[in-house]
Amino acid sequence: MKRKPDQVIEYRISLQDKQAEQLDSLIGAYQLNRVLTPIVTLMNDVTGMVVFLSIVAATGLAGATFAFNVRTGADLAMAELLDLFWVQRMEAHEKQRAETGATGPAAGQTGSKFWSGIIYNLTNPNWSWFEPPPQEP
């Protein structure tokens, strides 16, 4: 039979402010890595990218809520998949703008291709999803 302890010794580790900040940063980076690693792994596959883009479309993170449709059984490359998403996003966005009565050019309406829209959005950052761009005085 094991004997009960007759005393308890408590150890305390105290961190200075800088060390506490570094530990918080380390914990944050570890948690972010634990979340992003499976997402990036999923997005490396076309099927995983379809799931990811479907979630983005359904939640409205792409500017308009829509159902992302992909031909079943289609052997798509990643570029074709992104172009398909971009076209469906633009169609949903134009439909939403027509329903709300918004006028003026919409973000990324320089073409239906994914990369041309990305380039437009990066070079013209002062736009809104639903309102026309501000007129210069």
Protein backbone atom coordinates (compact mmCIF):
# COMPACT_ATOMS: atom_id res chain seq x y z
CA MET A 1 0.00 0.00 0.00
CA LYS A 2 1.25 3.41 -0.99
CA ARG A 3 1.75 5.99 1.70
CA LYS A 4 -0.02 9.37 1.53
CA PRO A 5 2.24 12.39 0.96
CA ASP A 6 3.03 14.37 4.08
CA GLN A 7 3.74 17.65 2.28
CA VAL A 8 2.91 19.41 -1.00
CA ILE A 9 5.51 21.43 -2.87
CA GLU A 10 4.27 24.02 -5.35
CA TYR A 11 6.46 25.34 -8.18
CA ARG A 12 5.59 28.57 -9.93
CA ILE A 13 7.01 29.81 -13.24
CA SER A 14 6.77 33.54 -13.79
CA LEU A 15 7.32 35.11 -17.17
CA GLN A 16 8.29 38.69 -17.87
CA ASP A 17 6.05 40.73 -20.19
CA LYS A 18 8.21 40.15 -23.26
CA GLN A 19 8.35 36.40 -22.64
CA ALA A 20 4.58 36.25 -22.12
CA GLU A 21 4.06 38.08 -25.45
CA GLN A 22 6.39 35.66 -27.21
CA LEU A 23 4.58 32.69 -25.69
CA ASP A 24 1.21 34.13 -26.79
CA SER A 25 2.58 34.61 -30.33
CA LEU A 26 3.89 31.04 -30.36
CA ILE A 27 0.54 29.65 -29.22
CA GLY A 28 -1.32 31.76 -31.82
CA ALA A 29 0.97 30.59 -34.62
CA TYR A 30 0.56 26.96 -33.54
CA GLN A 31 -3.24 27.27 -33.47
CA LEU A 32 -3.31 28.99 -36.87
CA ASN A 33 -1.10 26.26 -38.30
CA ARG A 34 -3.42 23.57 -36.92
CA VAL A 35 -6.38 25.22 -38.68
CA LEU A 36 -4.76 26.22 -41.98
CA THR A 37 -2.79 23.04 -42.70
CA PRO A 38 -5.89 20.88 -43.35
CA ILE A 39 -7.50 23.68 -45.37
CA VAL A 40 -4.43 24.06 -47.61
CA THR A 41 -4.19 20.28 -47.99
CA LEU A 42 -7.85 20.17 -49.00
CA MET A 43 -7.40 23.00 -51.51
CA ASN A 44 -4.49 21.25 -53.25
CA ASP A 45 -6.97 18.77 -54.72
CA VAL A 46 -9.59 19.81 -57.31
CA THR A 47 -12.32 18.01 -55.37
CA GLY A 48 -11.31 19.79 -52.18
CA MET A 49 -11.24 23.10 -54.02
CA VAL A 50 -14.80 22.47 -55.25
CA VAL A 51 -15.90 21.96 -51.64
CA PHE A 52 -14.06 25.10 -50.52
CA LEU A 53 -15.47 27.26 -53.36
CA SER A 54 -18.97 25.87 -52.74
CA ILE A 55 -18.74 26.99 -49.11
CA VAL A 56 -17.45 30.42 -50.16
CA ALA A 57 -20.32 30.78 -52.65
CA ALA A 58 -23.01 29.55 -50.25
CA THR A 59 -21.93 31.85 -47.42
CA GLY A 60 -21.67 34.93 -49.63
CA LEU A 61 -17.97 35.51 -49.02
CA ALA A 62 -17.56 36.04 -52.77
CA GLY A 63 -19.81 39.11 -52.69
CA ALA A 64 -23.01 37.35 -53.68
CA THR A 65 -24.65 34.19 -52.39
CA PHE A 66 -25.08 31.53 -55.05
CA ALA A 67 -24.98 27.78 -55.60
CA PHE A 68 -21.67 26.84 -57.22
CA ASN A 69 -22.44 24.30 -59.96
CA VAL A 70 -19.76 22.01 -61.35
CA ARG A 71 -20.39 19.39 -63.99
CA THR A 72 -20.36 16.02 -62.27
CA GLY A 73 -17.78 13.65 -63.65
CA ALA A 74 -15.92 16.47 -65.36
CA ASP A 75 -12.15 16.25 -65.34
CA LEU A 76 -11.34 19.90 -64.57
CA ALA A 77 -7.97 21.51 -64.11
CA MET A 78 -7.58 23.99 -61.27
CA ALA A 79 -7.54 26.97 -63.69
CA GLU A 80 -10.77 25.82 -65.34
CA LEU A 81 -12.38 25.38 -61.94
CA LEU A 82 -11.42 28.90 -60.86
CA ASP A 83 -12.69 30.34 -64.16
CA LEU A 84 -15.98 28.48 -63.71
CA PHE A 85 -16.31 29.86 -60.17
CA TRP A 86 -15.50 33.39 -61.38
CA VAL A 87 -18.12 33.27 -64.15
CA GLN A 88 -20.83 31.96 -61.80
CA ARG A 89 -19.88 34.57 -59.19
CA MET A 90 -20.15 37.36 -61.76
CA GLU A 91 -23.55 36.06 -62.96
CA ALA A 92 -24.84 35.91 -59.38
CA HIS A 93 -23.43 39.34 -58.67
CA GLU A 94 -25.07 40.84 -61.79
CA LYS A 95 -28.38 39.20 -60.85
CA GLN A 96 -28.14 40.60 -57.32
CA ARG A 97 -27.31 44.07 -58.68
CA ALA A 98 -30.31 43.90 -61.03
CA GLU A 99 -32.60 42.87 -58.16
CA THR A 100 -31.38 45.70 -55.92
CA GLY A 101 -31.36 48.26 -58.73
CA ALA A 102 -27.66 49.09 -58.38
CA THR A 103 -26.15 50.78 -61.41
CA GLY A 104 -22.63 51.47 -62.60
CA PRO A 105 -19.79 49.05 -63.16
CA ALA A 106 -19.43 46.16 -60.77
CA ALA A 107 -16.16 44.99 -59.30
CA GLY A 108 -14.18 42.85 -61.70
CA GLN A 109 -16.36 43.39 -64.77
CA THR A 110 -13.39 43.69 -67.09
CA GLY A 111 -13.87 40.12 -68.27
CA SER A 112 -15.20 36.78 -67.24
CA LYS A 113 -11.82 35.20 -66.60
CA PHE A 114 -10.63 34.70 -63.05
CA TRP A 115 -7.19 36.30 -63.45
CA SER A 116 -8.44 39.40 -65.28
CA GLY A 117 -10.89 40.03 -62.43
CA ILE A 118 -8.17 39.56 -59.82
CA ILE A 119 -5.89 42.01 -61.65
CA TYR A 120 -8.74 44.53 -61.92
CA ASN A 121 -9.58 44.23 -58.22
CA LEU A 122 -5.94 44.63 -57.19
CA THR A 123 -5.36 47.68 -59.38
CA ASN A 124 -8.71 49.32 -58.49
CA PRO A 125 -9.10 48.82 -54.72
CA ASN A 126 -11.71 51.55 -54.15
CA TRP A 127 -14.83 49.69 -55.24
CA SER A 128 -17.90 48.33 -53.56
CA TRP A 129 -19.76 45.10 -54.26
CA PHE A 130 -23.14 46.77 -54.46
CA GLU A 131 -22.72 50.49 -55.09
CA PRO A 132 -21.29 52.29 -58.10
CA PRO A 133 -17.76 53.60 -57.67
CA PRO A 134 -17.48 57.12 -56.23
CA GLN A 135 -17.33 59.88 -58.81
CA GLU A 136 -14.22 62.02 -58.73
CA PRO A 137 -14.94 65.75 -58.17
